[in-house]
């Protein structure tokens, strides 16, 4: 009896440690903009998004109704788009636009895509992004647009 109880305790402790490591890793990496190789080939149009693209950049936020971080992200992106000339913020309900979310590989909300003025995806953040990273992604969108023919 003693050995079985001890084994169960060790397994329980191992599961708790693993879950903690995964949780910390997700929290640390959440909201950071990353380049995905296939994102560069993705282009979204005003028709797909339901509104015009920004002259400088478009911040596309995928959200769900009960997502707490989505509300904070909405306020951040609305504030940025209100202060950065040529930046537009569009929020899309991932549940209502499931086909688009699947096509773009949206696995978590909030997910923010930064588009250049031609609609090309130049940045992606899963989780709540940080202001400095959003601003850097907007600069990248402007640079990508300027560099394209």
N, C-alpha and C. Protein backbone atom coordinates (compact mmCIF):
# COMPACT_ATOMS: atom_id res chain seq x y z
N UNK A 1 0.80 -1.20 0.00
CA UNK A 1 0.00 0.00 0.00
C UNK A 1 0.85 1.27 0.00
N UNK A 2 1.89 1.24 0.75
CA UNK A 2 2.77 2.39 0.86
C UNK A 2 3.34 2.79 -0.49
N UNK A 3 3.79 1.83 -1.29
CA UNK A 3 4.44 2.14 -2.56
C UNK A 3 3.44 2.76 -3.54
N UNK A 4 2.22 2.24 -3.60
CA UNK A 4 1.20 2.78 -4.52
C UNK A 4 0.85 4.20 -4.17
N UNK A 5 0.72 4.49 -2.88
CA UNK A 5 0.42 5.86 -2.45
C UNK A 5 1.54 6.82 -2.79
N UNK A 6 2.77 6.35 -2.62
CA UNK A 6 3.94 7.18 -2.94
C UNK A 6 4.03 7.44 -4.44
N UNK A 7 3.76 6.41 -5.24
CA UNK A 7 3.80 6.56 -6.70
C UNK A 7 2.74 7.58 -7.15
N UNK A 8 1.55 7.50 -6.58
CA UNK A 8 0.48 8.44 -6.92
C UNK A 8 0.87 9.87 -6.56
N UNK A 9 1.52 10.03 -5.43
CA UNK A 9 1.97 11.35 -5.00
C UNK A 9 3.02 11.92 -5.96
N UNK A 10 3.94 11.06 -6.39
CA UNK A 10 4.99 11.49 -7.33
C UNK A 10 4.37 11.88 -8.67
N UNK A 11 3.42 11.09 -9.16
CA UNK A 11 2.76 11.39 -10.43
C UNK A 11 1.98 12.71 -10.32
N UNK A 12 1.29 12.90 -9.22
CA UNK A 12 0.53 14.14 -9.01
C UNK A 12 1.46 15.36 -8.99
N UNK A 13 2.58 15.23 -8.28
CA UNK A 13 3.55 16.32 -8.23
C UNK A 13 4.13 16.61 -9.61
N UNK A 14 4.44 15.57 -10.38
CA UNK A 14 5.00 15.76 -11.72
C UNK A 14 3.99 16.48 -12.63
N UNK A 15 2.72 16.10 -12.54
CA UNK A 15 1.69 16.74 -13.36
C UNK A 15 1.55 18.22 -12.97
N UNK A 16 1.57 18.52 -11.68
CA UNK A 16 1.46 19.91 -11.24
C UNK A 16 2.66 20.74 -11.70
N UNK A 17 3.84 20.19 -11.63
CA UNK A 17 5.04 20.91 -12.08
C UNK A 17 4.96 21.16 -13.58
N UNK A 18 4.59 20.13 -14.35
CA UNK A 18 4.48 20.28 -15.81
C UNK A 18 3.44 21.34 -16.17
N UNK A 19 2.28 21.30 -15.51
CA UNK A 19 1.23 22.28 -15.78
C UNK A 19 1.71 23.69 -15.45
N UNK A 20 2.46 23.84 -14.38
CA UNK A 20 2.99 25.15 -14.00
C UNK A 20 3.98 25.67 -15.03
N UNK A 21 4.86 24.80 -15.50
CA UNK A 21 5.85 25.20 -16.51
C UNK A 21 5.15 25.64 -17.80
N UNK A 22 4.15 24.87 -18.23
CA UNK A 22 3.41 25.22 -19.44
C UNK A 22 2.67 26.55 -19.25
N UNK A 23 2.06 26.76 -18.09
CA UNK A 23 1.36 28.01 -17.82
C UNK A 23 2.27 29.22 -17.83
N UNK A 24 3.44 29.09 -17.20
CA UNK A 24 4.41 30.19 -17.18
C UNK A 24 4.92 30.48 -18.58
N UNK A 25 5.23 29.43 -19.35
CA UNK A 25 5.73 29.62 -20.71
C UNK A 25 4.68 30.33 -21.57
N UNK A 26 3.43 29.96 -21.41
CA UNK A 26 2.37 30.59 -22.19
C UNK A 26 2.19 32.06 -21.80
N UNK A 27 2.27 32.33 -20.49
CA UNK A 27 2.12 33.71 -20.03
C UNK A 27 3.26 34.59 -20.52
N UNK A 28 4.47 34.07 -20.51
CA UNK A 28 5.64 34.85 -20.94
C UNK A 28 5.59 35.12 -22.44
N UNK A 29 5.17 34.12 -23.22
CA UNK A 29 5.19 34.29 -24.67
C UNK A 29 3.91 34.93 -25.21
N UNK A 30 2.86 34.99 -24.42
CA UNK A 30 1.59 35.54 -24.88
C UNK A 30 1.70 37.02 -25.24
N UNK A 31 1.06 37.39 -26.34
CA UNK A 31 1.02 38.78 -26.74
C UNK A 31 2.23 39.27 -27.52
N UNK A 32 3.20 38.44 -27.74
CA UNK A 32 4.39 38.85 -28.50
C UNK A 32 4.14 38.64 -29.99
N UNK A 33 4.62 39.60 -30.77
CA UNK A 33 4.47 39.49 -32.21
C UNK A 33 5.52 38.56 -32.76
N UNK A 34 5.07 37.64 -33.57
CA UNK A 34 5.97 36.67 -34.19
C UNK A 34 5.72 36.64 -35.68
N UNK A 35 6.76 36.31 -36.39
CA UNK A 35 6.62 36.15 -37.84
C UNK A 35 6.34 34.68 -38.13
N UNK A 36 5.30 34.43 -38.87
CA UNK A 36 5.02 33.07 -39.34
C UNK A 36 5.27 33.08 -40.85
N UNK A 37 6.05 32.15 -41.34
CA UNK A 37 6.40 32.16 -42.77
C UNK A 37 5.20 32.29 -43.70
N UNK A 38 4.13 31.61 -43.40
CA UNK A 38 2.98 31.65 -44.31
C UNK A 38 2.18 32.94 -44.21
N UNK A 39 2.35 33.72 -43.12
CA UNK A 39 1.61 34.97 -42.98
C UNK A 39 1.96 35.97 -44.07
N UNK A 40 3.20 36.01 -44.51
CA UNK A 40 3.61 36.96 -45.53
C UNK A 40 2.86 36.82 -46.84
N UNK A 41 2.34 35.62 -47.09
CA UNK A 41 1.60 35.37 -48.33
C UNK A 41 0.11 35.68 -48.17
N UNK A 42 -0.32 35.94 -46.95
CA UNK A 42 -1.74 36.20 -46.69
C UNK A 42 -2.04 37.67 -46.92
N UNK A 43 -3.09 37.92 -47.69
CA UNK A 43 -3.54 39.28 -47.94
C UNK A 43 -5.05 39.32 -47.70
N UNK A 44 -5.47 40.29 -46.89
CA UNK A 44 -6.89 40.46 -46.59
C UNK A 44 -7.40 41.72 -47.26
N UNK A 45 -8.61 41.64 -47.77
CA UNK A 45 -9.20 42.80 -48.46
C UNK A 45 -10.21 43.50 -47.57
N UNK A 46 -10.56 44.70 -47.96
CA UNK A 46 -11.58 45.47 -47.25
C UNK A 46 -12.92 44.72 -47.27
N UNK A 47 -13.19 44.02 -48.35
CA UNK A 47 -14.44 43.25 -48.46
C UNK A 47 -14.46 42.15 -47.40
N UNK A 48 -13.36 41.41 -47.26
CA UNK A 48 -13.29 40.34 -46.26
C UNK A 48 -13.43 40.87 -44.84
N UNK A 49 -12.86 42.05 -44.60
CA UNK A 49 -12.85 42.62 -43.26
C UNK A 49 -14.10 43.44 -42.95
N UNK A 50 -14.83 43.82 -43.99
CA UNK A 50 -16.06 44.57 -43.78
C UNK A 50 -15.86 46.06 -43.60
N UNK A 51 -14.65 46.56 -43.82
CA UNK A 51 -14.36 47.98 -43.71
C UNK A 51 -13.06 48.28 -44.44
N UNK A 52 -12.81 49.56 -44.68
CA UNK A 52 -11.60 49.96 -45.40
C UNK A 52 -10.34 49.70 -44.57
N UNK A 53 -9.25 49.42 -45.26
CA UNK A 53 -7.95 49.25 -44.60
C UNK A 53 -7.38 50.62 -44.25
N UNK A 54 -6.52 50.65 -43.24
CA UNK A 54 -5.86 51.89 -42.86
C UNK A 54 -4.85 52.32 -43.90
N UNK A 55 -4.62 53.63 -44.01
CA UNK A 55 -3.63 54.16 -44.96
C UNK A 55 -2.21 53.73 -44.60
N UNK A 56 -1.97 53.52 -43.32
CA UNK A 56 -0.64 53.14 -42.85
C UNK A 56 -0.59 51.68 -42.40
N UNK A 57 -1.57 51.27 -41.57
CA UNK A 57 -1.63 49.91 -41.04
C UNK A 57 -3.05 49.62 -40.57
N UNK A 58 -3.38 48.34 -40.54
CA UNK A 58 -4.67 47.90 -40.02
C UNK A 58 -4.42 46.88 -38.93
N UNK A 59 -5.02 47.12 -37.76
CA UNK A 59 -4.90 46.23 -36.62
C UNK A 59 -6.18 45.40 -36.57
N UNK A 60 -6.07 44.12 -36.90
CA UNK A 60 -7.22 43.22 -36.94
C UNK A 60 -7.19 42.36 -35.68
N UNK A 61 -8.21 42.53 -34.85
CA UNK A 61 -8.30 41.80 -33.59
C UNK A 61 -9.38 40.74 -33.68
N UNK A 62 -9.02 39.48 -33.44
CA UNK A 62 -9.99 38.40 -33.35
C UNK A 62 -10.32 38.21 -31.88
N UNK A 63 -11.61 38.29 -31.54
CA UNK A 63 -12.07 38.20 -30.16
C UNK A 63 -13.23 37.22 -30.05
N UNK A 64 -13.59 36.91 -28.81
CA UNK A 64 -14.79 36.15 -28.50
C UNK A 64 -15.52 36.88 -27.38
N UNK A 65 -16.79 36.57 -27.21
CA UNK A 65 -17.64 37.30 -26.28
C UNK A 65 -17.16 37.25 -24.83
N UNK A 66 -16.67 36.13 -24.37
CA UNK A 66 -16.33 35.98 -22.96
C UNK A 66 -14.84 36.05 -22.69
N UNK A 67 -14.10 36.69 -23.56
CA UNK A 67 -12.64 36.78 -23.44
C UNK A 67 -12.28 38.07 -22.69
N UNK A 68 -11.78 37.93 -21.46
CA UNK A 68 -11.38 39.09 -20.67
C UNK A 68 -10.25 39.89 -21.28
N UNK A 69 -9.15 39.23 -21.70
CA UNK A 69 -8.05 39.97 -22.32
C UNK A 69 -8.46 40.67 -23.62
N UNK A 70 -9.53 40.21 -24.25
CA UNK A 70 -9.98 40.85 -25.50
C UNK A 70 -10.44 42.28 -25.23
N UNK A 71 -11.08 42.51 -24.08
CA UNK A 71 -11.56 43.86 -23.75
C UNK A 71 -10.38 44.82 -23.56
N UNK A 72 -9.36 44.36 -22.86
CA UNK A 72 -8.16 45.19 -22.64
C UNK A 72 -7.48 45.46 -23.97
N UNK A 73 -7.38 44.42 -24.81
CA UNK A 73 -6.76 44.57 -26.14
C UNK A 73 -7.56 45.54 -26.99
N UNK A 74 -8.87 45.46 -26.93
CA UNK A 74 -9.74 46.38 -27.70
C UNK A 74 -9.45 47.83 -27.33
N UNK A 75 -9.37 48.10 -26.02
CA UNK A 75 -9.09 49.47 -25.57
C UNK A 75 -7.71 49.94 -26.04
N UNK A 76 -6.71 49.07 -25.92
CA UNK A 76 -5.35 49.41 -26.34
C UNK A 76 -5.30 49.73 -27.83
N UNK A 77 -5.86 48.85 -28.65
CA UNK A 77 -5.79 49.04 -30.10
C UNK A 77 -6.63 50.23 -30.56
N UNK A 78 -7.76 50.46 -29.90
CA UNK A 78 -8.58 51.63 -30.24
C UNK A 78 -7.82 52.91 -29.91
N UNK A 79 -7.14 52.92 -28.77
CA UNK A 79 -6.36 54.10 -28.40
C UNK A 79 -5.21 54.33 -29.38
N UNK A 80 -4.51 53.26 -29.75
CA UNK A 80 -3.39 53.39 -30.69
C UNK A 80 -3.90 53.88 -32.04
N UNK A 81 -4.99 53.27 -32.54
CA UNK A 81 -5.49 53.67 -33.86
C UNK A 81 -6.03 55.10 -33.83
N UNK A 82 -6.45 55.56 -32.65
CA UNK A 82 -6.92 56.94 -32.53
C UNK A 82 -5.80 57.97 -32.47
N UNK A 83 -4.59 57.52 -32.15
CA UNK A 83 -3.48 58.46 -32.02
C UNK A 83 -2.42 58.31 -33.12
N UNK A 84 -2.43 57.19 -33.81
CA UNK A 84 -1.45 56.97 -34.89
C UNK A 84 -2.14 57.28 -36.22
N UNK A 85 -1.70 58.32 -36.91
CA UNK A 85 -2.32 58.66 -38.19
C UNK A 85 -2.21 57.50 -39.18
N UNK A 86 -3.33 57.18 -39.83
CA UNK A 86 -3.34 56.14 -40.85
C UNK A 86 -3.49 54.73 -40.32
N UNK A 87 -3.66 54.56 -39.01
CA UNK A 87 -3.87 53.23 -38.43
C UNK A 87 -5.35 53.03 -38.16
N UNK A 88 -5.84 51.84 -38.47
CA UNK A 88 -7.24 51.49 -38.28
C UNK A 88 -7.32 50.23 -37.43
N UNK A 89 -8.31 50.17 -36.54
CA UNK A 89 -8.54 48.98 -35.72
C UNK A 89 -9.86 48.35 -36.13
N UNK A 90 -9.81 47.05 -36.38
CA UNK A 90 -11.01 46.29 -36.74
C UNK A 90 -11.09 45.11 -35.78
N UNK A 91 -12.25 44.94 -35.16
CA UNK A 91 -12.44 43.78 -34.28
C UNK A 91 -13.39 42.80 -34.96
N UNK A 92 -13.00 41.54 -34.97
CA UNK A 92 -13.78 40.49 -35.60
C UNK A 92 -14.13 39.45 -34.55
N UNK A 93 -15.41 39.09 -34.48
CA UNK A 93 -15.85 38.03 -33.58
C UNK A 93 -15.47 36.69 -34.22
N UNK A 94 -14.53 36.00 -33.61
CA UNK A 94 -14.01 34.75 -34.17
C UNK A 94 -15.09 33.69 -34.32
N UNK A 95 -16.07 33.70 -33.42
CA UNK A 95 -17.15 32.70 -33.49
C UNK A 95 -18.08 32.97 -34.67
N UNK A 96 -18.33 34.23 -34.98
CA UNK A 96 -19.21 34.57 -36.10
C UNK A 96 -18.49 34.49 -37.44
N UNK A 97 -17.18 34.58 -37.44
CA UNK A 97 -16.39 34.52 -38.68
C UNK A 97 -15.45 33.32 -38.63
N UNK A 98 -16.00 32.17 -38.27
CA UNK A 98 -15.22 30.96 -38.04
C UNK A 98 -14.40 30.53 -39.26
N UNK A 99 -14.97 30.66 -40.46
CA UNK A 99 -14.22 30.27 -41.67
C UNK A 99 -12.97 31.13 -41.84
N UNK A 100 -13.10 32.43 -41.64
CA UNK A 100 -11.95 33.32 -41.76
C UNK A 100 -10.93 33.01 -40.67
N UNK A 101 -11.40 32.79 -39.45
CA UNK A 101 -10.49 32.46 -38.34
C UNK A 101 -9.72 31.17 -38.63
N UNK A 102 -10.40 30.18 -39.16
CA UNK A 102 -9.73 28.91 -39.51
C UNK A 102 -8.71 29.12 -40.62
N UNK A 103 -9.09 29.87 -41.64
CA UNK A 103 -8.18 30.11 -42.77
C UNK A 103 -6.91 30.82 -42.32
N UNK A 104 -7.04 31.70 -41.32
CA UNK A 104 -5.89 32.46 -40.84
C UNK A 104 -5.15 31.76 -39.69
N UNK A 105 -5.64 30.61 -39.27
CA UNK A 105 -4.97 29.87 -38.20
C UNK A 105 -5.12 30.52 -36.84
N UNK A 106 -6.27 31.13 -36.58
CA UNK A 106 -6.52 31.76 -35.28
C UNK A 106 -6.91 30.65 -34.31
N UNK A 107 -6.06 30.42 -33.30
CA UNK A 107 -6.29 29.35 -32.34
C UNK A 107 -6.65 29.86 -30.95
N UNK A 108 -6.50 31.15 -30.73
CA UNK A 108 -6.64 31.73 -29.40
C UNK A 108 -7.13 33.17 -29.54
N UNK A 109 -7.91 33.63 -28.56
CA UNK A 109 -8.30 35.03 -28.56
C UNK A 109 -7.77 35.68 -27.29
N UNK A 110 -7.36 36.93 -27.37
CA UNK A 110 -7.29 37.71 -28.60
C UNK A 110 -6.09 37.30 -29.45
N UNK A 111 -6.27 37.39 -30.74
CA UNK A 111 -5.17 37.32 -31.69
C UNK A 111 -5.24 38.60 -32.51
N UNK A 112 -4.10 39.26 -32.65
CA UNK A 112 -4.02 40.52 -33.39
C UNK A 112 -3.14 40.30 -34.61
N UNK A 113 -3.67 40.66 -35.77
CA UNK A 113 -2.89 40.66 -37.01
C UNK A 113 -2.64 42.12 -37.38
N UNK A 114 -1.42 42.42 -37.77
CA UNK A 114 -1.10 43.76 -38.25
C UNK A 114 -0.91 43.65 -39.76
N UNK A 115 -1.68 44.44 -40.49
CA UNK A 115 -1.62 44.43 -41.95
C UNK A 115 -0.97 45.71 -42.44
N UNK A 116 -0.23 45.61 -43.54
CA UNK A 116 0.26 46.82 -44.18
C UNK A 116 -0.90 47.42 -44.99
N UNK A 117 -0.68 48.52 -45.65
CA UNK A 117 -1.80 49.18 -46.33
C UNK A 117 -2.33 48.39 -47.52
N UNK A 118 -1.56 47.41 -48.00
CA UNK A 118 -2.03 46.54 -49.09
C UNK A 118 -2.79 45.33 -48.55
N UNK A 119 -2.87 45.18 -47.22
CA UNK A 119 -3.61 44.08 -46.63
C UNK A 119 -2.78 42.85 -46.33
N UNK A 120 -1.45 42.94 -46.51
CA UNK A 120 -0.56 41.80 -46.20
C UNK A 120 -0.32 41.72 -44.70
N UNK A 121 -0.34 40.50 -44.17
CA UNK A 121 -0.07 40.28 -42.75
C UNK A 121 1.43 40.42 -42.52
N UNK A 122 1.81 41.38 -41.67
CA UNK A 122 3.23 41.60 -41.36
C UNK A 122 3.55 41.29 -39.90
N UNK A 123 2.52 41.01 -39.10
CA UNK A 123 2.75 40.67 -37.70
C UNK A 123 1.54 39.97 -37.12
N UNK A 124 1.80 39.11 -36.12
CA UNK A 124 0.73 38.36 -35.46
C UNK A 124 1.09 38.19 -33.99
N UNK A 125 0.13 38.47 -33.12
CA UNK A 125 0.31 38.25 -31.68
C UNK A 125 -0.88 37.45 -31.17
N UNK A 126 -0.59 36.36 -30.48
CA UNK A 126 -1.62 35.57 -29.81
C UNK A 126 -1.57 35.93 -28.34
N UNK A 127 -2.68 36.36 -27.80
CA UNK A 127 -2.70 36.84 -26.42
C UNK A 127 -2.69 38.35 -26.42
N UNK A 128 -2.70 38.91 -25.23
CA UNK A 128 -2.77 40.37 -25.08
C UNK A 128 -1.44 41.01 -25.44
N UNK A 129 -1.40 41.83 -26.51
CA UNK A 129 -0.14 42.44 -26.94
C UNK A 129 0.25 43.63 -26.06
N UNK A 130 1.49 43.97 -26.12
CA UNK A 130 2.00 45.13 -25.39
C UNK A 130 2.08 46.32 -26.36
N UNK A 131 1.86 47.50 -25.80
CA UNK A 131 1.84 48.73 -26.62
C UNK A 131 3.10 48.87 -27.48
N UNK A 132 4.27 48.68 -26.89
CA UNK A 132 5.52 48.87 -27.63
C UNK A 132 5.61 47.90 -28.80
N UNK A 133 5.13 46.68 -28.61
CA UNK A 133 5.18 45.70 -29.70
C UNK A 133 4.19 46.04 -30.80
N UNK A 134 3.03 46.57 -30.44
CA UNK A 134 2.06 47.00 -31.45
C UNK A 134 2.65 48.14 -32.27
N UNK A 135 3.28 49.09 -31.60
CA UNK A 135 3.88 50.22 -32.30
C UNK A 135 5.00 49.76 -33.23
N UNK A 136 5.82 48.80 -32.78
CA UNK A 136 6.89 48.27 -33.63
C UNK A 136 6.30 47.55 -34.84
N UNK A 137 5.20 46.85 -34.66
CA UNK A 137 4.55 46.15 -35.78
C UNK A 137 3.97 47.15 -36.78
N UNK A 138 3.44 48.27 -36.28
CA UNK A 138 2.94 49.32 -37.18
C UNK A 138 4.10 49.88 -38.00
N UNK A 139 5.23 50.12 -37.34
CA UNK A 139 6.42 50.61 -38.06
C UNK A 139 6.85 49.60 -39.12
N UNK A 140 6.78 48.32 -38.79
CA UNK A 140 7.14 47.26 -39.74
C UNK A 140 6.16 47.28 -40.93
N UNK A 141 4.88 47.49 -40.64
CA UNK A 141 3.88 47.55 -41.71
C UNK A 141 4.18 48.71 -42.65
N UNK A 142 4.58 49.83 -42.09
CA UNK A 142 4.91 51.00 -42.90
C UNK A 142 6.16 50.73 -43.72
N UNK A 143 7.14 50.09 -43.12
CA UNK A 143 8.38 49.75 -43.84
C UNK A 143 8.14 48.71 -44.92
N UNK A 144 7.26 47.72 -44.63
CA UNK A 144 6.97 46.69 -45.61
C UNK A 144 6.25 47.27 -46.80
N UNK A 145 5.36 48.23 -46.55
CA UNK A 145 4.64 48.88 -47.63
C UNK A 145 5.57 49.71 -48.48
N UNK A 146 6.46 50.44 -47.81
CA UNK A 146 7.39 51.30 -48.53
C UNK A 146 8.37 50.49 -49.37
N UNK A 147 8.72 49.29 -48.90
CA UNK A 147 9.68 48.46 -49.61
C UNK A 147 9.06 47.69 -50.75
N UNK A 148 7.71 47.50 -50.72
CA UNK A 148 7.08 46.72 -51.78
C UNK A 148 6.90 47.57 -53.03
N UNK A 149 6.91 46.93 -54.21
CA UNK A 149 6.78 47.71 -55.45
C UNK A 149 5.41 48.31 -55.64
